[in-house]
Amino acid sequence: MALSDSRARDHAVILAYVTAFAVATICHLFDIARGGWLPYTKYALGLNVPSGRFTFWGLATQIPVGVFMWWTAPKLWTAESTHPSRDG
């Protein structure tokens, strides 16, 4: 049975979320494995805790992903809560 267009779109959005979180997790784990819990002590604690490096690359990737999630989360939440499989 084929997924409807809206369900296929929802699945694509969820796949994008999973991919973004997986990449971020792997990057943070590599940073911690290479340099310990706070590997970039030359930076202020506020910058050291989120990313370890305050680089343009981090901002260039995090801002669009954040906007994408901000834009799609309410629609995905509504679609999931009204899906027929949620009926008892």
PDB file of N, CA and C in Angstrom:
ATOM      1  N   MET A   1       0.838  -1.173   0.000  1.00  0.00           N
ATOM      2  CA  MET A   1       0.000   0.000   0.000  1.00  0.00           C
ATOM      3  C   MET A   1       0.889   1.245   0.000  1.00  0.00           C
ATOM      4  N   ALA A   2       0.637   2.140  -0.931  1.00  0.00           N
ATOM      5  CA  ALA A   2       1.451   3.346  -1.065  1.00  0.00           C
ATOM      6  C   ALA A   2       1.026   4.388  -0.033  1.00  0.00           C
ATOM      7  N   LEU A   3       1.997   5.139   0.415  1.00  0.00           N
ATOM      8  CA  LEU A   3       1.701   6.224   1.343  1.00  0.00           C
ATOM      9  C   LEU A   3       1.062   7.382   0.599  1.00  0.00           C
ATOM     10  N   SER A   4       0.176   8.081   1.243  1.00  0.00           N
ATOM     11  CA  SER A   4      -0.387   9.277   0.630  1.00  0.00           C
ATOM     12  C   SER A   4       0.714  10.323   0.525  1.00  0.00           C
ATOM     13  N   ASP A   5       0.473  11.334  -0.307  1.00  0.00           N
ATOM     14  CA  ASP A   5       1.473  12.391  -0.486  1.00  0.00           C
ATOM     15  C   ASP A   5       1.828  13.072   0.824  1.00  0.00           C
ATOM     16  N   SER A   6       0.828  13.342   1.659  1.00  0.00           N
ATOM     17  CA  SER A   6       1.112  14.023   2.925  1.00  0.00           C
ATOM     18  C   SER A   6       1.875  13.120   3.881  1.00  0.00           C
ATOM     19  N   ARG A   7       1.561  11.837   3.914  1.00  0.00           N
ATOM     20  CA  ARG A   7       2.305  10.916   4.785  1.00  0.00           C
ATOM     21  C   ARG A   7       3.731  10.740   4.286  1.00  0.00           C
ATOM     22  N   ALA A   8       3.903  10.679   2.965  1.00  0.00           N
ATOM     23  CA  ALA A   8       5.253  10.569   2.402  1.00  0.00           C
ATOM     24  C   ALA A   8       6.072  11.818   2.753  1.00  0.00           C
ATOM     25  N   ARG A   9       5.439  12.981   2.688  1.00  0.00           N
ATOM     26  CA  ARG A   9       6.114  14.224   3.046  1.00  0.00           C
ATOM     27  C   ARG A   9       6.471  14.226   4.528  1.00  0.00           C
ATOM     28  N   ASP A  10       5.558  13.751   5.360  1.00  0.00           N
ATOM     29  CA  ASP A  10       5.834  13.660   6.802  1.00  0.00           C
ATOM     30  C   ASP A  10       7.018  12.733   7.072  1.00  0.00           C
ATOM     31  N   HIS A  11       7.070  11.625   6.368  1.00  0.00           N
ATOM     32  CA  HIS A  11       8.175  10.685   6.546  1.00  0.00           C
ATOM     33  C   HIS A  11       9.491  11.314   6.096  1.00  0.00           C
ATOM     34  N   ALA A  12       9.463  12.102   5.025  1.00  0.00           N
ATOM     35  CA  ALA A  12      10.672  12.782   4.563  1.00  0.00           C
ATOM     36  C   ALA A  12      11.149  13.808   5.589  1.00  0.00           C
ATOM     37  N   VAL A  13      10.220  14.514   6.210  1.00  0.00           N
ATOM     38  CA  VAL A  13      10.575  15.492   7.246  1.00  0.00           C
ATOM     39  C   VAL A  13      11.179  14.774   8.446  1.00  0.00           C
ATOM     40  N   ILE A  14      10.589  13.677   8.858  1.00  0.00           N
ATOM     41  CA  ILE A  14      11.126  12.913   9.989  1.00  0.00           C
ATOM     42  C   ILE A  14      12.518  12.385   9.658  1.00  0.00           C
ATOM     43  N   LEU A  15      12.730  11.930   8.436  1.00  0.00           N
ATOM     44  CA  LEU A  15      14.052  11.472   8.016  1.00  0.00           C
ATOM     45  C   LEU A  15      15.067  12.614   8.084  1.00  0.00           C
ATOM     46  N   ALA A  16      14.659  13.813   7.693  1.00  0.00           N
ATOM     47  CA  ALA A  16      15.549  14.980   7.793  1.00  0.00           C
ATOM     48  C   ALA A  16      15.897  15.262   9.256  1.00  0.00           C
ATOM     49  N   TYR A  17      14.912  15.165  10.157  1.00  0.00           N
ATOM     50  CA  TYR A  17      15.165  15.363  11.592  1.00  0.00           C
ATOM     51  C   TYR A  17      16.185  14.335  12.099  1.00  0.00           C
ATOM     52  N   VAL A  18      15.946  13.076  11.796  1.00  0.00           N
ATOM     53  CA  VAL A  18      16.819  12.004  12.270  1.00  0.00           C
ATOM     54  C   VAL A  18      18.240  12.207  11.738  1.00  0.00           C
ATOM     55  N   THR A  19      18.351  12.568  10.478  1.00  0.00           N
ATOM     56  CA  THR A  19      19.664  12.808   9.884  1.00  0.00           C
ATOM     57  C   THR A  19      20.375  13.963  10.573  1.00  0.00           C
ATOM     58  N   ALA A  20      19.677  15.070  10.791  1.00  0.00           N
ATOM     59  CA  ALA A  20      20.280  16.239  11.437  1.00  0.00           C
ATOM     60  C   ALA A  20      20.736  15.902  12.855  1.00  0.00           C
ATOM     61  N   PHE A  21      19.892  15.227  13.618  1.00  0.00           N
ATOM     62  CA  PHE A  21      20.272  14.873  14.986  1.00  0.00           C
ATOM     63  C   PHE A  21      21.421  13.862  15.004  1.00  0.00           C
ATOM     64  N   ALA A  22      21.439  12.928  14.064  1.00  0.00           N
ATOM     65  CA  ALA A  22      22.520  11.941  14.011  1.00  0.00           C
ATOM     66  C   ALA A  22      23.859  12.604  13.681  1.00  0.00           C
ATOM     67  N   VAL A  23      23.866  13.484  12.695  1.00  0.00           N
ATOM     68  CA  VAL A  23      25.097  14.189  12.331  1.00  0.00           C
ATOM     69  C   VAL A  23      25.591  15.033  13.501  1.00  0.00           C
ATOM     70  N   ALA A  24      24.700  15.756  14.154  1.00  0.00           N
ATOM     71  CA  ALA A  24      25.100  16.590  15.294  1.00  0.00           C
ATOM     72  C   ALA A  24      25.651  15.739  16.433  1.00  0.00           C
ATOM     73  N   THR A  25      25.001  14.628  16.712  1.00  0.00           N
ATOM     74  CA  THR A  25      25.466  13.739  17.780  1.00  0.00           C
ATOM     75  C   THR A  25      26.850  13.196  17.468  1.00  0.00           C
ATOM     76  N   ILE A  26      27.058  12.748  16.244  1.00  0.00           N
ATOM     77  CA  ILE A  26      28.362  12.206  15.848  1.00  0.00           C
ATOM     78  C   ILE A  26      29.447  13.278  15.948  1.00  0.00           C
ATOM     79  N   CYS A  27      29.143  14.493  15.496  1.00  0.00           N
ATOM     80  CA  CYS A  27      30.122  15.578  15.586  1.00  0.00           C
ATOM     81  C   CYS A  27      30.491  15.871  17.038  1.00  0.00           C
ATOM     82  N   HIS A  28      29.514  15.934  17.907  1.00  0.00           N
ATOM     83  CA  HIS A  28      29.787  16.198  19.319  1.00  0.00           C
ATOM     84  C   HIS A  28      30.571  15.042  19.955  1.00  0.00           C
ATOM     85  N   LEU A  29      30.238  13.822  19.618  1.00  0.00           N
ATOM     86  CA  LEU A  29      30.970  12.675  20.160  1.00  0.00           C
ATOM     87  C   LEU A  29      32.426  12.683  19.707  1.00  0.00           C
ATOM     88  N   PHE A  30      32.672  13.028  18.437  1.00  0.00           N
ATOM     89  CA  PHE A  30      34.057  13.137  17.962  1.00  0.00           C
ATOM     90  C   PHE A  30      34.816  14.224  18.718  1.00  0.00           C
ATOM     91  N   ASP A  31      34.180  15.368  18.925  1.00  0.00           N
ATOM     92  CA  ASP A  31      34.825  16.447  19.688  1.00  0.00           C
ATOM     93  C   ASP A  31      35.188  15.989  21.092  1.00  0.00           C
ATOM     94  N   ILE A  32      34.275  15.316  21.749  1.00  0.00           N
ATOM     95  CA  ILE A  32      34.519  14.847  23.113  1.00  0.00           C
ATOM     96  C   ILE A  32      35.598  13.760  23.116  1.00  0.00           C
ATOM     97  N   ALA A  33      35.573  12.852  22.144  1.00  0.00           N
ATOM     98  CA  ALA A  33      36.574  11.783  22.077  1.00  0.00           C
ATOM     99  C   ALA A  33      37.976  12.351  21.833  1.00  0.00           C
ATOM    100  N   ARG A  34      38.055  13.406  21.024  1.00  0.00           N
ATOM    101  CA  ARG A  34      39.363  13.999  20.723  1.00  0.00           C
ATOM    102  C   ARG A  34      39.893  14.858  21.851  1.00  0.00           C
ATOM    103  N   GLY A  35      39.025  15.612  22.508  1.00  0.00           N
ATOM    104  CA  GLY A  35      39.533  16.604  23.437  1.00  0.00           C
ATOM    105  C   GLY A  35      39.002  16.548  24.849  1.00  0.00           C
ATOM    106  N   GLY A  36      38.215  15.555  25.191  1.00  0.00           N
ATOM    107  CA  GLY A  36      37.665  15.486  26.535  1.00  0.00           C
ATOM    108  C   GLY A  36      36.360  16.257  26.651  1.00  0.00           C
ATOM    109  N   TRP A  37      35.868  16.362  27.879  1.00  0.00           N
ATOM    110  CA  TRP A  37      34.543  16.938  28.122  1.00  0.00           C
ATOM    111  C   TRP A  37      34.418  18.373  27.619  1.00  0.00           C
ATOM    112  N   LEU A  38      35.395  19.227  27.899  1.00  0.00           N
ATOM    113  CA  LEU A  38      35.409  20.606  27.396  1.00  0.00           C
ATOM    114  C   LEU A  38      36.723  20.819  26.632  1.00  0.00           C
ATOM    115  N   PRO A  39      36.753  20.407  25.370  1.00  0.00           N
ATOM    116  CA  PRO A  39      38.020  20.365  24.642  1.00  0.00           C
ATOM    117  C   PRO A  39      38.561  21.728  24.198  1.00  0.00           C
ATOM    118  N   TYR A  40      37.769  22.759  24.232  1.00  0.00           N
ATOM    119  CA  TYR A  40      38.187  24.054  23.690  1.00  0.00           C
ATOM    120  C   TYR A  40      38.216  25.094  24.786  1.00  0.00           C
ATOM    121  N   THR A  41      39.146  24.964  25.685  1.00  0.00           N
ATOM    122  CA  THR A  41      39.201  25.838  26.856  1.00  0.00           C
ATOM    123  C   THR A  41      39.594  27.266  26.507  1.00  0.00           C
ATOM    124  N   LYS A  42      40.098  27.518  25.314  1.00  0.00           N
ATOM    125  CA  LYS A  42      40.451  28.884  24.945  1.00  0.00           C
ATOM    126  C   LYS A  42      39.214  29.745  24.665  1.00  0.00           C
ATOM    127  N   TYR A  43      38.060  29.120  24.552  1.00  0.00           N
ATOM    128  CA  TYR A  43      36.823  29.856  24.320  1.00  0.00           C
ATOM    129  C   TYR A  43      36.042  30.006  25.615  1.00  0.00           C
ATOM    130  N   ALA A  44      35.177  30.998  25.656  1.00  0.00           N
ATOM    131  CA  ALA A  44      34.321  31.197  26.827  1.00  0.00           C
ATOM    132  C   ALA A  44      33.434  29.965  27.026  1.00  0.00           C
ATOM    133  N   LEU A  45      33.046  29.714  28.261  1.00  0.00           N
ATOM    134  CA  LEU A  45      32.253  28.530  28.583  1.00  0.00           C
ATOM    135  C   LEU A  45      30.975  28.460  27.743  1.00  0.00           C
ATOM    136  N   GLY A  46      30.324  29.582  27.529  1.00  0.00           N
ATOM    137  CA  GLY A  46      29.091  29.589  26.743  1.00  0.00           C
ATOM    138  C   GLY A  46      29.283  29.091  25.320  1.00  0.00           C
ATOM    139  N   LEU A  47      30.433  29.390  24.734  1.00  0.00           N
ATOM    140  CA  LEU A  47      30.714  28.904  23.380  1.00  0.00           C
ATOM    141  C   LEU A  47      31.300  27.501  23.408  1.00  0.00           C
ATOM    142  N   ASN A  48      31.987  27.179  24.472  1.00  0.00           N
ATOM    143  CA  ASN A  48      32.620  25.874  24.587  1.00  0.00           C
ATOM    144  C   ASN A  48      31.581  24.764  24.764  1.00  0.00           C
ATOM    145  N   VAL A  49      30.527  25.026  25.521  1.00  0.00           N
ATOM    146  CA  VAL A  49      29.534  23.992  25.819  1.00  0.00           C
ATOM    147  C   VAL A  49      28.724  23.619  24.576  1.00  0.00           C
ATOM    148  N   PRO A  50      28.097  24.566  23.730  1.00  0.00           N
ATOM    149  CA  PRO A  50      27.271  24.128  22.606  1.00  0.00           C
ATOM    150  C   PRO A  50      28.049  23.459  21.488  1.00  0.00           C
ATOM    151  N   SER A  51      29.233  24.007  21.116  1.00  0.00           N
ATOM    152  CA  SER A  51      29.851  23.489  19.902  1.00  0.00           C
ATOM    153  C   SER A  51      31.341  23.226  20.027  1.00  0.00           C
ATOM    154  N   GLY A  52      32.005  23.823  20.980  1.00  0.00           N
ATOM    155  CA  GLY A  52      33.442  23.663  21.063  1.00  0.00           C
ATOM    156  C   GLY A  52      34.184  24.607  20.152  1.00  0.00           C
ATOM    157  N   ARG A  53      33.595  24.983  19.050  1.00  0.00           N
ATOM    158  CA  ARG A  53      34.207  25.927  18.122  1.00  0.00           C
ATOM    159  C   ARG A  53      33.112  26.871  17.649  1.00  0.00           C
ATOM    160  N   PHE A  54      33.398  28.115  17.704  1.00  0.00           N
ATOM    161  CA  PHE A  54      32.438  29.099  17.216  1.00  0.00           C
ATOM    162  C   PHE A  54      32.852  29.463  15.799  1.00  0.00           C
ATOM    163  N   THR A  55      32.409  28.664  14.856  1.00  0.00           N
ATOM    164  CA  THR A  55      32.828  28.842  13.478  1.00  0.00           C
ATOM    165  C   THR A  55      31.640  29.187  12.599  1.00  0.00           C
ATOM    166  N   PHE A  56      31.964  29.747  11.452  1.00  0.00           N
ATOM    167  CA  PHE A  56      30.911  30.057  10.500  1.00  0.00           C
ATOM    168  C   PHE A  56      30.233  28.779  10.018  1.00  0.00           C
ATOM    169  N   TRP A  57      31.001  27.698   9.869  1.00  0.00           N
ATOM    170  CA  TRP A  57      30.420  26.441   9.406  1.00  0.00           C
ATOM    171  C   TRP A  57      29.303  25.972  10.343  1.00  0.00           C
ATOM    172  N   GLY A  58      29.541  26.083  11.636  1.00  0.00           N
ATOM    173  CA  GLY A  58      28.518  25.678  12.592  1.00  0.00           C
ATOM    174  C   GLY A  58      27.263  26.516  12.465  1.00  0.00           C
ATOM    175  N   LEU A  59      27.435  27.818  12.358  1.00  0.00           N
ATOM    176  CA  LEU A  59      26.266  28.695  12.207  1.00  0.00           C
ATOM    177  C   LEU A  59      25.585  28.484  10.860  1.00  0.00           C
ATOM    178  N   ALA A  60      26.380  28.296   9.830  1.00  0.00           N
ATOM    179  CA  ALA A  60      25.823  28.129   8.481  1.00  0.00           C
ATOM    180  C   ALA A  60      24.974  26.869   8.365  1.00  0.00           C
ATOM    181  N   THR A  61      25.252  25.876   9.188  1.00  0.00           N
ATOM    182  CA  THR A  61      24.447  24.653   9.127  1.00  0.00           C
ATOM    183  C   THR A  61      23.348  24.633  10.183  1.00  0.00           C
ATOM    184  N   GLN A  62      23.603  25.197  11.359  1.00  0.00           N
ATOM    185  CA  GLN A  62      22.618  25.128  12.440  1.00  0.00           C
ATOM    186  C   GLN A  62      21.428  26.059  12.219  1.00  0.00           C
ATOM    187  N   ILE A  63      21.659  27.219  11.666  1.00  0.00           N
ATOM    188  CA  ILE A  63      20.554  28.168  11.471  1.00  0.00           C
ATOM    189  C   ILE A  63      19.515  27.627  10.491  1.00  0.00           C
ATOM    190  N   PRO A  64      19.895  27.153   9.300  1.00  0.00           N
ATOM    191  CA  PRO A  64      18.853  26.626   8.401  1.00  0.00           C
ATOM    192  C   PRO A  64      18.139  25.392   8.968  1.00  0.00           C
ATOM    193  N   VAL A  65      18.880  24.521   9.653  1.00  0.00           N
ATOM    194  CA  VAL A  65      18.242  23.347  10.250  1.00  0.00           C
ATOM    195  C   VAL A  65      17.256  23.789  11.329  1.00  0.00           C
ATOM    196  N   GLY A  66      17.644  24.756  12.138  1.00  0.00           N
ATOM    197  CA  GLY A  66      16.744  25.274  13.170  1.00  0.00           C
ATOM    198  C   GLY A  66      15.487  25.888  12.579  1.00  0.00           C
ATOM    199  N   VAL A  67      15.649  26.676  11.526  1.00  0.00           N
ATOM    200  CA  VAL A  67      14.489  27.283  10.863  1.00  0.00           C
ATOM    201  C   VAL A  67      13.601  26.195  10.264  1.00  0.00           C
ATOM    202  N   PHE A  68      14.203  25.199   9.631  1.00  0.00           N
ATOM    203  CA  PHE A  68      13.432  24.089   9.059  1.00  0.00           C
ATOM    204  C   PHE A  68      12.608  23.383  10.132  1.00  0.00           C
ATOM    205  N   MET A  69      13.239  23.102  11.265  1.00  0.00           N
ATOM    206  CA  MET A  69      12.516  22.417  12.343  1.00  0.00           C
ATOM    207  C   MET A  69      11.443  23.306  12.947  1.00  0.00           C
ATOM    208  N   TRP A  70      11.745  24.579  13.108  1.00  0.00           N
ATOM    209  CA  TRP A  70      10.755  25.531  13.636  1.00  0.00           C
ATOM    210  C   TRP A  70       9.546  25.599  12.704  1.00  0.00           C
ATOM    211  N   TRP A  71       9.773  25.550  11.413  1.00  0.00           N
ATOM    212  CA  TRP A  71       8.702  25.663  10.432  1.00  0.00           C
ATOM    213  C   TRP A  71       7.886  24.370  10.323  1.00  0.00           C
ATOM    214  N   THR A  72       8.546  23.224  10.404  1.00  0.00           N
ATOM    215  CA  THR A  72       7.858  21.963  10.139  1.00  0.00           C
ATOM    216  C   THR A  72       7.293  21.277  11.388  1.00  0.00           C
ATOM    217  N   ALA A  73       7.848  21.533  12.549  1.00  0.00           N
ATOM    218  CA  ALA A  73       7.409  20.818  13.756  1.00  0.00           C
ATOM    219  C   ALA A  73       5.915  20.975  14.045  1.00  0.00           C
ATOM    220  N   PRO A  74       5.361  22.189  14.030  1.00  0.00           N
ATOM    221  CA  PRO A  74       3.917  22.289  14.314  1.00  0.00           C
ATOM    222  C   PRO A  74       3.061  21.545  13.296  1.00  0.00           C
ATOM    223  N   LYS A  75       3.440  21.602  12.032  1.00  0.00           N
ATOM    224  CA  LYS A  75       2.668  20.909  10.995  1.00  0.00           C
ATOM    225  C   LYS A  75       2.765  19.396  11.171  1.00  0.00           C
ATOM    226  N   LEU A  76       3.960  18.921  11.489  1.00  0.00           N
ATOM    227  CA  LEU A  76       4.150  17.496  11.704  1.00  0.00           C
ATOM    228  C   LEU A  76       3.403  17.028  12.947  1.00  0.00           C
ATOM    229  N   TRP A  77       3.450  17.830  13.986  1.00  0.00           N
ATOM    230  CA  TRP A  77       2.743  17.498  15.236  1.00  0.00           C
ATOM    231  C   TRP A  77       1.237  17.387  14.976  1.00  0.00           C
ATOM    232  N   THR A  78       0.674  18.358  14.259  1.00  0.00           N
ATOM    233  CA  THR A  78      -0.755  18.354  13.946  1.00  0.00           C
ATOM    234  C   THR A  78      -1.109  17.164  13.068  1.00  0.00           C
ATOM    235  N   ALA A  79      -0.294  16.892  12.063  1.00  0.00           N
ATOM    236  CA  ALA A  79      -0.569  15.766  11.165  1.00  0.00           C
ATOM    237  C   ALA A  79      -0.555  14.449  11.924  1.00  0.00           C
ATOM    238  N   GLU A  80       0.382  14.297  12.840  1.00  0.00           N
ATOM    239  CA  GLU A  80       0.483  13.047  13.602  1.00  0.00           C
ATOM    240  C   GLU A  80      -0.682  12.900  14.575  1.00  0.00           C
ATOM    241  N   SER A  81      -1.084  13.993  15.203  1.00  0.00           N
ATOM    242  CA  SER A  81      -2.155  13.897  16.199  1.00  0.00           C
ATOM    243  C   SER A  81      -3.517  13.656  15.568  1.00  0.00           C
ATOM    244  N   THR A  82      -3.673  13.996  14.294  1.00  0.00           N
ATOM    245  CA  THR A  82      -4.958  13.790  13.617  1.00  0.00           C
ATOM    246  C   THR A  82      -4.952  12.575  12.693  1.00  0.00           C
ATOM    247  N   HIS A  83      -3.852  11.817  12.681  1.00  0.00           N
ATOM    248  CA  HIS A  83      -3.767  10.645  11.820  1.00  0.00           C
ATOM    249  C   HIS A  83      -4.751   9.566  12.284  1.00  0.00           C
ATOM    250  N   PRO A  84      -5.416   8.881  11.349  1.00  0.00           N
ATOM    251  CA  PRO A  84      -6.412   7.872  11.733  1.00  0.00           C
ATOM    252  C   PRO A  84      -5.874   6.762  12.632  1.00  0.00           C
ATOM    253  N   SER A  85      -4.573   6.473  12.561  1.00  0.00           N
ATOM    254  CA  SER A  85      -4.032   5.420  13.420  1.00  0.00           C
ATOM    255  C   SER A  85      -4.067   5.799  14.898  1.00  0.00           C
ATOM    256  N   ARG A  86      -4.314   7.064  15.203  1.00  0.00           N
ATOM    257  CA  ARG A  86      -4.397   7.524  16.590  1.00  0.00           C
ATOM    258  C   ARG A  86      -5.746   7.232  17.221  1.00  0.00           C
ATOM    259  N   ASP A  87      -6.716   6.902  16.403  1.00  0.00           N
ATOM    260  CA  ASP A  87      -8.047   6.573  16.944  1.00  0.00           C
ATOM    261  C   ASP A  87      -8.004   5.213  17.610  1.00  0.00           C
ATOM    262  N   GLY A  88      -8.406   5.185  18.894  1.00  0.00           N
ATOM    263  CA  GLY A  88      -8.426   4.015  19.743  1.00  0.00           C
ATOM    264  C   GLY A  88      -8.574   2.741  19.064  1.00  0.00           C
TER     265      GLY A  88
END
